[in-house]
Amino acid sequence: MDGGSIGIRIVDKNDVVLMIAIPIYGMIDRSYEEIYFGACHTQDLEEGAVEVKNFHETKLMIENILHRYSKSNPYIDQTLCALRGRVRDYIKVIYHNKMGHYRVEY
């Protein structure tokens, strides 16, 4: 995550990489209205990324994959918090923050 946009890389057991970019719209209401395959960052969308039309079910599938394989990864929990906004996701992010699991780079 950068300023709120989400970049995901999923690598399978055969080292095949799926890159997903989910740009953010609005810094106050923070909505995710588009999904792109083929890029991890919003600045790379023009380099062959494909927009997913009618993305609601795809977004749910991505959330389920992240939830299933997160194994309490602080950055995946942070991504789920941004995408779903469920109370349990916020609690996990607060826990990770309190435990110092997020790298702070200046």
PDB file of N, CA and C in Angstrom:
ATOM      1  N   MET A   1       0.838  -1.179   0.000  1.00  0.00           N
ATOM      2  CA  MET A   1       0.000   0.000   0.000  1.00  0.00           C
ATOM      3  C   MET A   1       0.887   1.248   0.000  1.00  0.00           C
ATOM      4  N   ASP A   2       0.481   2.233  -0.771  1.00  0.00           N
ATOM      5  CA  ASP A   2       1.177   3.516  -0.721  1.00  0.00           C
ATOM      6  C   ASP A   2       0.217   4.517  -0.076  1.00  0.00           C
ATOM      7  N   GLY A   3      -0.246   5.478  -0.800  1.00  0.00           N
ATOM      8  CA  GLY A   3      -1.164   6.459  -0.239  1.00  0.00           C
ATOM      9  C   GLY A   3      -2.562   5.918  -0.074  1.00  0.00           C
ATOM     10  N   GLY A   4      -2.724   4.634  -0.154  1.00  0.00           N
ATOM     11  CA  GLY A   4      -4.037   4.019  -0.019  1.00  0.00           C
ATOM     12  C   GLY A   4      -4.322   3.040  -1.133  1.00  0.00           C
ATOM     13  N   SER A   5      -3.663   3.214  -2.285  1.00  0.00           N
ATOM     14  CA  SER A   5      -3.821   2.240  -3.361  1.00  0.00           C
ATOM     15  C   SER A   5      -3.162   0.934  -2.934  1.00  0.00           C
ATOM     16  N   ILE A   6      -3.681  -0.169  -3.456  1.00  0.00           N
ATOM     17  CA  ILE A   6      -3.215  -1.488  -3.043  1.00  0.00           C
ATOM     18  C   ILE A   6      -2.547  -2.192  -4.216  1.00  0.00           C
ATOM     19  N   GLY A   7      -1.355  -2.733  -3.980  1.00  0.00           N
ATOM     20  CA  GLY A   7      -0.653  -3.549  -4.961  1.00  0.00           C
ATOM     21  C   GLY A   7      -0.432  -4.933  -4.386  1.00  0.00           C
ATOM     22  N   ILE A   8      -0.807  -5.958  -5.127  1.00  0.00           N
ATOM     23  CA  ILE A   8      -0.718  -7.335  -4.637  1.00  0.00           C
ATOM     24  C   ILE A   8       0.046  -8.169  -5.651  1.00  0.00           C
ATOM     25  N   ARG A   9       0.969  -9.001  -5.153  1.00  0.00           N
ATOM     26  CA  ARG A   9       1.662 -10.005  -5.970  1.00  0.00           C
ATOM     27  C   ARG A   9       1.372 -11.362  -5.370  1.00  0.00           C
ATOM     28  N   ILE A  10       0.780 -12.245  -6.152  1.00  0.00           N
ATOM     29  CA  ILE A  10       0.512 -13.612  -5.718  1.00  0.00           C
ATOM     30  C   ILE A  10       1.389 -14.522  -6.558  1.00  0.00           C
ATOM     31  N   VAL A  11       2.208 -15.343  -5.890  1.00  0.00           N
ATOM     32  CA  VAL A  11       3.117 -16.259  -6.578  1.00  0.00           C
ATOM     33  C   VAL A  11       2.692 -17.679  -6.229  1.00  0.00           C
ATOM     34  N   ASP A  12       2.437 -18.510  -7.272  1.00  0.00           N
ATOM     35  CA  ASP A  12       2.039 -19.894  -6.997  1.00  0.00           C
ATOM     36  C   ASP A  12       3.266 -20.798  -6.871  1.00  0.00           C
ATOM     37  N   LYS A  13       3.034 -22.066  -6.647  1.00  0.00           N
ATOM     38  CA  LYS A  13       4.144 -23.001  -6.413  1.00  0.00           C
ATOM     39  C   LYS A  13       5.042 -23.174  -7.622  1.00  0.00           C
ATOM     40  N   ASN A  14       4.569 -22.799  -8.822  1.00  0.00           N
ATOM     41  CA  ASN A  14       5.376 -22.886 -10.039  1.00  0.00           C
ATOM     42  C   ASN A  14       6.023 -21.550 -10.388  1.00  0.00           C
ATOM     43  N   ASP A  15       6.041 -20.617  -9.429  1.00  0.00           N
ATOM     44  CA  ASP A  15       6.608 -19.278  -9.601  1.00  0.00           C
ATOM     45  C   ASP A  15       5.896 -18.434 -10.652  1.00  0.00           C
ATOM     46  N   VAL A  16       4.634 -18.738 -10.914  1.00  0.00           N
ATOM     47  CA  VAL A  16       3.823 -17.898 -11.791  1.00  0.00           C
ATOM     48  C   VAL A  16       3.293 -16.745 -10.939  1.00  0.00           C
ATOM     49  N   VAL A  17       3.479 -15.515 -11.425  1.00  0.00           N
ATOM     50  CA  VAL A  17       3.130 -14.324 -10.651  1.00  0.00           C
ATOM     51  C   VAL A  17       1.861 -13.687 -11.222  1.00  0.00           C
ATOM     52  N   LEU A  18       0.929 -13.381 -10.324  1.00  0.00           N
ATOM     53  CA  LEU A  18      -0.267 -12.611 -10.671  1.00  0.00           C
ATOM     54  C   LEU A  18      -0.131 -11.275  -9.962  1.00  0.00           C
ATOM     55  N   MET A  19      -0.146 -10.193 -10.732  1.00  0.00           N
ATOM     56  CA  MET A  19      -0.047  -8.854 -10.156  1.00  0.00           C
ATOM     57  C   MET A  19      -1.407  -8.180 -10.232  1.00  0.00           C
ATOM     58  N   ILE A  20      -1.784  -7.538  -9.121  1.00  0.00           N
ATOM     59  CA  ILE A  20      -3.091  -6.892  -9.027  1.00  0.00           C
ATOM     60  C   ILE A  20      -2.889  -5.484  -8.479  1.00  0.00           C
ATOM     61  N   ALA A  21      -3.499  -4.501  -9.129  1.00  0.00           N
ATOM     62  CA  ALA A  21      -3.476  -3.114  -8.653  1.00  0.00           C
ATOM     63  C   ALA A  21      -4.909  -2.682  -8.376  1.00  0.00           C
ATOM     64  N   ILE A  22      -5.106  -2.109  -7.193  1.00  0.00           N
ATOM     65  CA  ILE A  22      -6.430  -1.615  -6.814  1.00  0.00           C
ATOM     66  C   ILE A  22      -6.249  -0.151  -6.399  1.00  0.00           C
ATOM     67  N   PRO A  23      -6.528   0.788  -7.320  1.00  0.00           N
ATOM     68  CA  PRO A  23      -6.341   2.210  -6.994  1.00  0.00           C
ATOM     69  C   PRO A  23      -7.414   2.707  -6.020  1.00  0.00           C
ATOM     70  N   ILE A  24      -7.049   3.701  -5.233  1.00  0.00           N
ATOM     71  CA  ILE A  24      -7.984   4.307  -4.289  1.00  0.00           C
ATOM     72  C   ILE A  24      -8.570   5.576  -4.899  1.00  0.00           C
ATOM     73  N   TYR A  25      -9.813   5.848  -4.550  1.00  0.00           N
ATOM     74  CA  TYR A  25     -10.477   7.072  -4.979  1.00  0.00           C
ATOM     75  C   TYR A  25     -11.002   7.777  -3.744  1.00  0.00           C
ATOM     76  N   GLY A  26     -10.594   9.013  -3.568  1.00  0.00           N
ATOM     77  CA  GLY A  26     -11.041   9.809  -2.431  1.00  0.00           C
ATOM     78  C   GLY A  26     -10.282   9.468  -1.172  1.00  0.00           C
ATOM     79  N   MET A  27      -9.642  10.435  -0.582  1.00  0.00           N
ATOM     80  CA  MET A  27      -8.881  10.182   0.641  1.00  0.00           C
ATOM     81  C   MET A  27      -9.768  10.188   1.878  1.00  0.00           C
ATOM     82  N   ILE A  28     -10.998  10.706   1.757  1.00  0.00           N
ATOM     83  CA  ILE A  28     -11.885  10.720   2.916  1.00  0.00           C
ATOM     84  C   ILE A  28     -12.747   9.465   2.941  1.00  0.00           C
ATOM     85  N   ASP A  29     -13.459   9.185   1.851  1.00  0.00           N
ATOM     86  CA  ASP A  29     -14.317   7.990   1.846  1.00  0.00           C
ATOM     87  C   ASP A  29     -13.568   6.737   1.416  1.00  0.00           C
ATOM     88  N   ARG A  30     -12.392   6.878   0.833  1.00  0.00           N
ATOM     89  CA  ARG A  30     -11.483   5.779   0.497  1.00  0.00           C
ATOM     90  C   ARG A  30     -12.209   4.605  -0.173  1.00  0.00           C
ATOM     91  N   SER A  31     -12.671   4.815  -1.372  1.00  0.00           N
ATOM     92  CA  SER A  31     -13.363   3.740  -2.070  1.00  0.00           C
ATOM     93  C   SER A  31     -12.451   3.093  -3.119  1.00  0.00           C
ATOM     94  N   TYR A  32     -12.686   1.815  -3.337  1.00  0.00           N
ATOM     95  CA  TYR A  32     -11.941   1.042  -4.330  1.00  0.00           C
ATOM     96  C   TYR A  32     -12.925   0.645  -5.414  1.00  0.00           C
ATOM     97  N   GLU A  33     -12.830   1.293  -6.586  1.00  0.00           N
ATOM     98  CA  GLU A  33     -13.827   1.133  -7.631  1.00  0.00           C
ATOM     99  C   GLU A  33     -13.300   0.449  -8.883  1.00  0.00           C
ATOM    100  N   GLU A  34     -12.031   0.085  -8.898  1.00  0.00           N
ATOM    101  CA  GLU A  34     -11.436  -0.564 -10.066  1.00  0.00           C
ATOM    102  C   GLU A  34     -10.403  -1.591  -9.606  1.00  0.00           C
ATOM    103  N   ILE A  35     -10.230  -2.625 -10.424  1.00  0.00           N
ATOM    104  CA  ILE A  35      -9.189  -3.622 -10.197  1.00  0.00           C
ATOM    105  C   ILE A  35      -8.492  -3.856 -11.536  1.00  0.00           C
ATOM    106  N   TYR A  36      -7.177  -3.928 -11.509  1.00  0.00           N
ATOM    107  CA  TYR A  36      -6.385  -4.182 -12.714  1.00  0.00           C
ATOM    108  C   TYR A  36      -5.493  -5.397 -12.493  1.00  0.00           C
ATOM    109  N   PHE A  37      -5.447  -6.287 -13.463  1.00  0.00           N
ATOM    110  CA  PHE A  37      -4.502  -7.400 -13.467  1.00  0.00           C
ATOM    111  C   PHE A  37      -3.342  -7.027 -14.381  1.00  0.00           C
ATOM    112  N   GLY A  38      -2.133  -7.402 -13.961  1.00  0.00           N
ATOM    113  CA  GLY A  38      -0.953  -7.152 -14.784  1.00  0.00           C
ATOM    114  C   GLY A  38      -0.102  -5.996 -14.290  1.00  0.00           C
ATOM    115  N   ALA A  39      -0.457  -5.405 -13.154  1.00  0.00           N
ATOM    116  CA  ALA A  39       0.337  -4.327 -12.560  1.00  0.00           C
ATOM    117  C   ALA A  39       0.146  -4.372 -11.048  1.00  0.00           C
ATOM    118  N   CYS A  40       1.185  -3.964 -10.326  1.00  0.00           N
ATOM    119  CA  CYS A  40       1.088  -3.880  -8.859  1.00  0.00           C
ATOM    120  C   CYS A  40       0.938  -2.445  -8.382  1.00  0.00           C
ATOM    121  N   HIS A  41       1.289  -1.500  -9.224  1.00  0.00           N
ATOM    122  CA  HIS A  41       1.269  -0.094  -8.833  1.00  0.00           C
ATOM    123  C   HIS A  41       0.424   0.700  -9.805  1.00  0.00           C
ATOM    124  N   THR A  42      -0.243   1.713  -9.305  1.00  0.00           N
ATOM    125  CA  THR A  42      -1.117   2.508 -10.166  1.00  0.00           C
ATOM    126  C   THR A  42      -0.342   3.220 -11.272  1.00  0.00           C
ATOM    127  N   GLN A  43       0.934   3.548 -11.044  1.00  0.00           N
ATOM    128  CA  GLN A  43       1.703   4.211 -12.098  1.00  0.00           C
ATOM    129  C   GLN A  43       2.051   3.266 -13.243  1.00  0.00           C
ATOM    130  N   ASP A  44       1.864   1.947 -13.043  1.00  0.00           N
ATOM    131  CA  ASP A  44       2.171   0.970 -14.089  1.00  0.00           C
ATOM    132  C   ASP A  44       0.942   0.535 -14.891  1.00  0.00           C
ATOM    133  N   LEU A  45      -0.197   1.189 -14.688  1.00  0.00           N
ATOM    134  CA  LEU A  45      -1.439   0.735 -15.323  1.00  0.00           C
ATOM    135  C   LEU A  45      -1.411   0.842 -16.838  1.00  0.00           C
ATOM    136  N   GLU A  46      -0.642   1.753 -17.379  1.00  0.00           N
ATOM    137  CA  GLU A  46      -0.604   1.936 -18.826  1.00  0.00           C
ATOM    138  C   GLU A  46       0.290   0.924 -19.527  1.00  0.00           C
ATOM    139  N   GLU A  47       1.001   0.099 -18.783  1.00  0.00           N
ATOM    140  CA  GLU A  47       1.953  -0.842 -19.375  1.00  0.00           C
ATOM    141  C   GLU A  47       1.355  -2.238 -19.508  1.00  0.00           C
ATOM    142  N   GLY A  48       0.170  -2.341 -20.095  1.00  0.00           N
ATOM    143  CA  GLY A  48      -0.414  -3.640 -20.380  1.00  0.00           C
ATOM    144  C   GLY A  48      -1.345  -4.190 -19.319  1.00  0.00           C
ATOM    145  N   ALA A  49      -1.657  -3.416 -18.310  1.00  0.00           N
ATOM    146  CA  ALA A  49      -2.597  -3.885 -17.289  1.00  0.00           C
ATOM    147  C   ALA A  49      -4.008  -3.930 -17.870  1.00  0.00           C
ATOM    148  N   VAL A  50      -4.789  -4.884 -17.395  1.00  0.00           N
ATOM    149  CA  VAL A  50      -6.146  -5.084 -17.899  1.00  0.00           C
ATOM    150  C   VAL A  50      -7.131  -4.795 -16.770  1.00  0.00           C
ATOM    151  N   GLU A  51      -8.093  -3.904 -17.046  1.00  0.00           N
ATOM    152  CA  GLU A  51      -9.111  -3.583 -16.046  1.00  0.00           C
ATOM    153  C   GLU A  51     -10.148  -4.699 -15.971  1.00  0.00           C
ATOM    154  N   VAL A  52     -10.538  -5.059 -14.761  1.00  0.00           N
ATOM    155  CA  VAL A  52     -11.577  -6.065 -14.554  1.00  0.00           C
ATOM    156  C   VAL A  52     -12.917  -5.342 -14.540  1.00  0.00           C
ATOM    157  N   LYS A  53     -13.801  -5.715 -15.438  1.00  0.00           N
ATOM    158  CA  LYS A  53     -15.139  -5.138 -15.472  1.00  0.00           C
ATOM    159  C   LYS A  53     -16.022  -5.879 -14.477  1.00  0.00           C
ATOM    160  N   ASN A  54     -17.014  -5.191 -13.930  1.00  0.00           N
ATOM    161  CA  ASN A  54     -17.914  -5.789 -12.938  1.00  0.00           C
ATOM    162  C   ASN A  54     -17.097  -6.516 -11.876  1.00  0.00           C
ATOM    163  N   PHE A  55     -16.264  -5.759 -11.180  1.00  0.00           N
ATOM    164  CA  PHE A  55     -15.206  -6.304 -10.334  1.00  0.00           C
ATOM    165  C   PHE A  55     -15.648  -6.802  -8.965  1.00  0.00           C
ATOM    166  N   HIS A  56     -16.897  -6.622  -8.577  1.00  0.00           N
ATOM    167  CA  HIS A  56     -17.311  -6.928  -7.209  1.00  0.00           C
ATOM    168  C   HIS A  56     -16.963  -8.368  -6.800  1.00  0.00           C
ATOM    169  N   GLU A  57     -17.304  -9.350  -7.638  1.00  0.00           N
ATOM    170  CA  GLU A  57     -17.005 -10.746  -7.296  1.00  0.00           C
ATOM    171  C   GLU A  57     -15.500 -11.012  -7.280  1.00  0.00           C
ATOM    172  N   THR A  58     -14.751 -10.361  -8.159  1.00  0.00           N
ATOM    173  CA  THR A  58     -13.293 -10.511  -8.176  1.00  0.00           C
ATOM    174  C   THR A  58     -12.695  -9.943  -6.899  1.00  0.00           C
ATOM    175  N   LYS A  59     -13.209  -8.792  -6.453  1.00  0.00           N
ATOM    176  CA  LYS A  59     -12.727  -8.197  -5.205  1.00  0.00           C
ATOM    177  C   LYS A  59     -12.993  -9.139  -4.027  1.00  0.00           C
ATOM    178  N   LEU A  60     -14.165  -9.752  -3.978  1.00  0.00           N
ATOM    179  CA  LEU A  60     -14.474 -10.709  -2.913  1.00  0.00           C
ATOM    180  C   LEU A  60     -13.540 -11.916  -2.966  1.00  0.00           C
ATOM    181  N   MET A  61     -13.236 -12.393  -4.184  1.00  0.00           N
ATOM    182  CA  MET A  61     -12.316 -13.521  -4.329  1.00  0.00           C
ATOM    183  C   MET A  61     -10.927 -13.148  -3.818  1.00  0.00           C
ATOM    184  N   ILE A  62     -10.443 -11.956  -4.139  1.00  0.00           N
ATOM    185  CA  ILE A  62      -9.137 -11.492  -3.674  1.00  0.00           C
ATOM    186  C   ILE A  62      -9.132 -11.404  -2.150  1.00  0.00           C
ATOM    187  N   GLU A  63     -10.190 -10.856  -1.573  1.00  0.00           N
ATOM    188  CA  GLU A  63     -10.293 -10.774  -0.111  1.00  0.00           C
ATOM    189  C   GLU A  63     -10.233 -12.166   0.512  1.00  0.00           C
ATOM    190  N   ASN A  64     -10.948 -13.121  -0.073  1.00  0.00           N
ATOM    191  CA  ASN A  64     -10.955 -14.486   0.467  1.00  0.00           C
ATOM    192  C   ASN A  64      -9.584 -15.145   0.374  1.00  0.00           C
ATOM    193  N   ILE A  65      -8.891 -14.953  -0.743  1.00  0.00           N
ATOM    194  CA  ILE A  65      -7.543 -15.515  -0.896  1.00  0.00           C
ATOM    195  C   ILE A  65      -6.608 -14.909   0.143  1.00  0.00           C
ATOM    196  N   LEU A  66      -6.642 -13.602   0.285  1.00  0.00           N
ATOM    197  CA  LEU A  66      -5.768 -12.944   1.259  1.00  0.00           C
ATOM    198  C   LEU A  66      -6.085 -13.409   2.674  1.00  0.00           C
ATOM    199  N   HIS A  67      -7.353 -13.505   3.003  1.00  0.00           N
ATOM    200  CA  HIS A  67      -7.747 -13.943   4.344  1.00  0.00           C
ATOM    201  C   HIS A  67      -7.292 -15.381   4.608  1.00  0.00           C
ATOM    202  N   ARG A  68      -7.469 -16.243   3.637  1.00  0.00           N
ATOM    203  CA  ARG A  68      -7.142 -17.660   3.809  1.00  0.00           C
ATOM    204  C   ARG A  68      -5.644 -17.898   3.980  1.00  0.00           C
ATOM    205  N   TYR A  69      -4.827 -17.118   3.292  1.00  0.00           N
ATOM    206  CA  TYR A  69      -3.390 -17.375   3.298  1.00  0.00           C
ATOM    207  C   TYR A  69      -2.581 -16.332   4.067  1.00  0.00           C
ATOM    208  N   SER A  70      -3.219 -15.490   4.834  1.00  0.00           N
ATOM    209  CA  SER A  70      -2.493 -14.402   5.488  1.00  0.00           C
ATOM    210  C   SER A  70      -1.573 -14.874   6.602  1.00  0.00           C
ATOM    211  N   LYS A  71      -1.973 -15.895   7.368  1.00  0.00           N
ATOM    212  CA  LYS A  71      -1.169 -16.398   8.494  1.00  0.00           C
ATOM    213  C   LYS A  71      -0.699 -15.254   9.387  1.00  0.00           C
ATOM    214  N   SER A  72      -1.603 -14.330   9.647  1.00  0.00           N
ATOM    215  CA  SER A  72      -1.347 -13.178  10.514  1.00  0.00           C
ATOM    216  C   SER A  72      -0.187 -12.318  10.010  1.00  0.00           C
ATOM    217  N   ASN A  73      -0.104 -12.137   8.718  1.00  0.00           N
ATOM    218  CA  ASN A  73       0.884 -11.245   8.113  1.00  0.00           C
ATOM    219  C   ASN A  73       0.390  -9.807   8.305  1.00  0.00           C
ATOM    220  N   PRO A  74       1.185  -8.938   8.921  1.00  0.00           N
ATOM    221  CA  PRO A  74       0.698  -7.595   9.223  1.00  0.00           C
ATOM    222  C   PRO A  74       0.293  -6.791   7.990  1.00  0.00           C
ATOM    223  N   TYR A  75       0.978  -6.986   6.872  1.00  0.00           N
ATOM    224  CA  TYR A  75       0.668  -6.201   5.683  1.00  0.00           C
ATOM    225  C   TYR A  75      -0.578  -6.733   4.967  1.00  0.00           C
ATOM    226  N   ILE A  76      -0.781  -8.027   5.007  1.00  0.00           N
ATOM    227  CA  ILE A  76      -2.018  -8.581   4.444  1.00  0.00           C
ATOM    228  C   ILE A  76      -3.196  -8.167   5.312  1.00  0.00           C
ATOM    229  N   ASP A  77      -3.021  -8.193   6.633  1.00  0.00           N
ATOM    230  CA  ASP A  77      -4.096  -7.739   7.521  1.00  0.00           C
ATOM    231  C   ASP A  77      -4.426  -6.275   7.279  1.00  0.00           C
ATOM    232  N   GLN A  78      -3.407  -5.455   7.013  1.00  0.00           N
ATOM    233  CA  GLN A  78      -3.619  -4.040   6.713  1.00  0.00           C
ATOM    234  C   GLN A  78      -4.388  -3.877   5.393  1.00  0.00           C
ATOM    235  N   THR A  79      -4.048  -4.689   4.411  1.00  0.00           N
ATOM    236  CA  THR A  79      -4.748  -4.651   3.131  1.00  0.00           C
ATOM    237  C   THR A  79      -6.209  -5.060   3.292  1.00  0.00           C
ATOM    238  N   LEU A  80      -6.448  -6.134   4.048  1.00  0.00           N
ATOM    239  CA  LEU A  80      -7.823  -6.564   4.297  1.00  0.00           C
ATOM    240  C   LEU A  80      -8.611  -5.487   5.035  1.00  0.00           C
ATOM    241  N   CYS A  81      -7.968  -4.804   5.958  1.00  0.00           N
ATOM    242  CA  CYS A  81      -8.625  -3.719   6.678  1.00  0.00           C
ATOM    243  C   CYS A  81      -9.060  -2.629   5.706  1.00  0.00           C
ATOM    244  N   ALA A  82      -8.204  -2.288   4.761  1.00  0.00           N
ATOM    245  CA  ALA A  82      -8.536  -1.257   3.776  1.00  0.00           C
ATOM    246  C   ALA A  82      -9.651  -1.717   2.841  1.00  0.00           C
ATOM    247  N   LEU A  83      -9.590  -2.967   2.390  1.00  0.00           N
ATOM    248  CA  LEU A  83     -10.587  -3.475   1.444  1.00  0.00           C
ATOM    249  C   LEU A  83     -11.942  -3.732   2.084  1.00  0.00           C
ATOM    250  N   ARG A  84     -11.937  -4.379   3.259  1.00  0.00           N
ATOM    251  CA  ARG A  84     -13.203  -4.806   3.864  1.00  0.00           C
ATOM    252  C   ARG A  84     -13.687  -3.875   4.963  1.00  0.00           C
ATOM    253  N   GLY A  85     -12.761  -3.357   5.744  1.00  0.00           N
ATOM    254  CA  GLY A  85     -13.135  -2.463   6.827  1.00  0.00           C
ATOM    255  C   GLY A  85     -13.901  -3.130   7.960  1.00  0.00           C
ATOM    256  N   ARG A  86     -13.694  -4.428   8.144  1.00  0.00           N
ATOM    257  CA  ARG A  86     -14.369  -5.133   9.229  1.00  0.00           C
ATOM    258  C   ARG A  86     -13.681  -4.838  10.557  1.00  0.00           C
ATOM    259  N   VAL A  87     -14.453  -4.921  11.628  1.00  0.00           N
ATOM    260  CA  VAL A  87     -13.913  -4.633  12.953  1.00  0.00           C
ATOM    261  C   VAL A  87     -12.733  -5.539  13.273  1.00  0.00           C
ATOM    262  N   ARG A  88     -12.837  -6.822  12.958  1.00  0.00           N
ATOM    263  CA  ARG A  88     -11.739  -7.736  13.278  1.00  0.00           C
ATOM    264  C   ARG A  88     -10.460  -7.378  12.516  1.00  0.00           C
ATOM    265  N   ASP A  89     -10.610  -6.823  11.314  1.00  0.00           N
ATOM    266  CA  ASP A  89      -9.432  -6.388  10.561  1.00  0.00           C
ATOM    267  C   ASP A  89      -8.767  -5.194  11.244  1.00  0.00           C
ATOM    268  N   TYR A  90      -9.570  -4.249  11.722  1.00  0.00           N
ATOM    269  CA  TYR A  90      -9.026  -3.101  12.447  1.00  0.00           C
ATOM    270  C   TYR A  90      -8.302  -3.555  13.715  1.00  0.00           C
ATOM    271  N   ILE A  91      -8.883  -4.513  14.428  1.00  0.00           N
ATOM    272  CA  ILE A  91      -8.262  -5.019  15.654  1.00  0.00           C
ATOM    273  C   ILE A  91      -6.905  -5.641  15.356  1.00  0.00           C
ATOM    274  N   LYS A  92      -6.823  -6.413  14.267  1.00  0.00           N
ATOM    275  CA  LYS A  92      -5.543  -7.021  13.890  1.00  0.00           C
ATOM    276  C   LYS A  92      -4.504  -5.962  13.561  1.00  0.00           C
ATOM    277  N   VAL A  93      -4.907  -4.906  12.838  1.00  0.00           N
ATOM    278  CA  VAL A  93      -3.967  -3.840  12.472  1.00  0.00           C
ATOM    279  C   VAL A  93      -3.494  -3.101  13.721  1.00  0.00           C
ATOM    280  N   ILE A  94      -4.409  -2.829  14.645  1.00  0.00           N
ATOM    281  CA  ILE A  94      -4.024  -2.171  15.898  1.00  0.00           C
ATOM    282  C   ILE A  94      -3.035  -3.044  16.668  1.00  0.00           C
ATOM    283  N   TYR A  95      -3.288  -4.353  16.706  1.00  0.00           N
ATOM    284  CA  TYR A  95      -2.377  -5.286  17.382  1.00  0.00           C
ATOM    285  C   TYR A  95      -0.985  -5.250  16.746  1.00  0.00           C
ATOM    286  N   HIS A  96      -0.941  -5.369  15.412  1.00  0.00           N
ATOM    287  CA  HIS A  96       0.356  -5.366  14.721  1.00  0.00           C
ATOM    288  C   HIS A  96       1.103  -4.052  14.970  1.00  0.00           C
ATOM    289  N   ASN A  97       0.366  -2.945  14.959  1.00  0.00           N
ATOM    290  CA  ASN A  97       0.990  -1.651  15.197  1.00  0.00           C
ATOM    291  C   ASN A  97       1.544  -1.579  16.613  1.00  0.00           C
ATOM    292  N   LYS A  98       0.765  -2.033  17.573  1.00  0.00           N
ATOM    293  CA  LYS A  98       1.199  -2.022  18.981  1.00  0.00           C
ATOM    294  C   LYS A  98       2.438  -2.897  19.190  1.00  0.00           C
ATOM    295  N   MET A  99       2.519  -4.019  18.472  1.00  0.00           N
ATOM    296  CA  MET A  99       3.643  -4.940  18.611  1.00  0.00           C
ATOM    297  C   MET A  99       4.854  -4.525  17.775  1.00  0.00           C
ATOM    298  N   GLY A 100       4.721  -3.459  16.987  1.00  0.00           N
ATOM    299  CA  GLY A 100       5.842  -2.968  16.187  1.00  0.00           C
ATOM    300  C   GLY A 100       6.115  -3.799  14.942  1.00  0.00           C
ATOM    301  N   HIS A 101       5.087  -4.421  14.381  1.00  0.00           N
ATOM    302  CA  HIS A 101       5.274  -5.289  13.221  1.00  0.00           C
ATOM    303  C   HIS A 101       5.392  -4.531  11.896  1.00  0.00           C
ATOM    304  N   TYR A 102       5.094  -3.250  11.881  1.00  0.00           N
ATOM    305  CA  TYR A 102       5.199  -2.491  10.648  1.00  0.00           C
ATOM    306  C   TYR A 102       6.538  -1.777  10.596  1.00  0.00           C
ATOM    307  N   ARG A 103       7.242  -1.929   9.467  1.00  0.00           N
ATOM    308  CA  ARG A 103       8.510  -1.216   9.270  1.00  0.00           C
ATOM    309  C   ARG A 103       8.212   0.245   9.000  1.00  0.00           C
ATOM    310  N   VAL A 104       8.916   1.103   9.649  1.00  0.00           N
ATOM    311  CA  VAL A 104       8.780   2.535   9.411  1.00  0.00           C
ATOM    312  C   VAL A 104      10.067   2.991   8.748  1.00  0.00           C
ATOM    313  N   GLU A 105       9.940   3.468   7.513  1.00  0.00           N
ATOM    314  CA  GLU A 105      11.112   3.930   6.772  1.00  0.00           C
ATOM    315  C   GLU A 105      10.955   5.417   6.503  1.00  0.00           C
ATOM    316  N   TYR A 106      11.985   6.165   6.821  1.00  0.00           N
ATOM    317  CA  TYR A 106      11.936   7.620   6.612  1.00  0.00           C
ATOM    318  C   TYR A 106      12.837   8.016   5.485  1.00  0.00           C
TER     319      TYR A 106
END
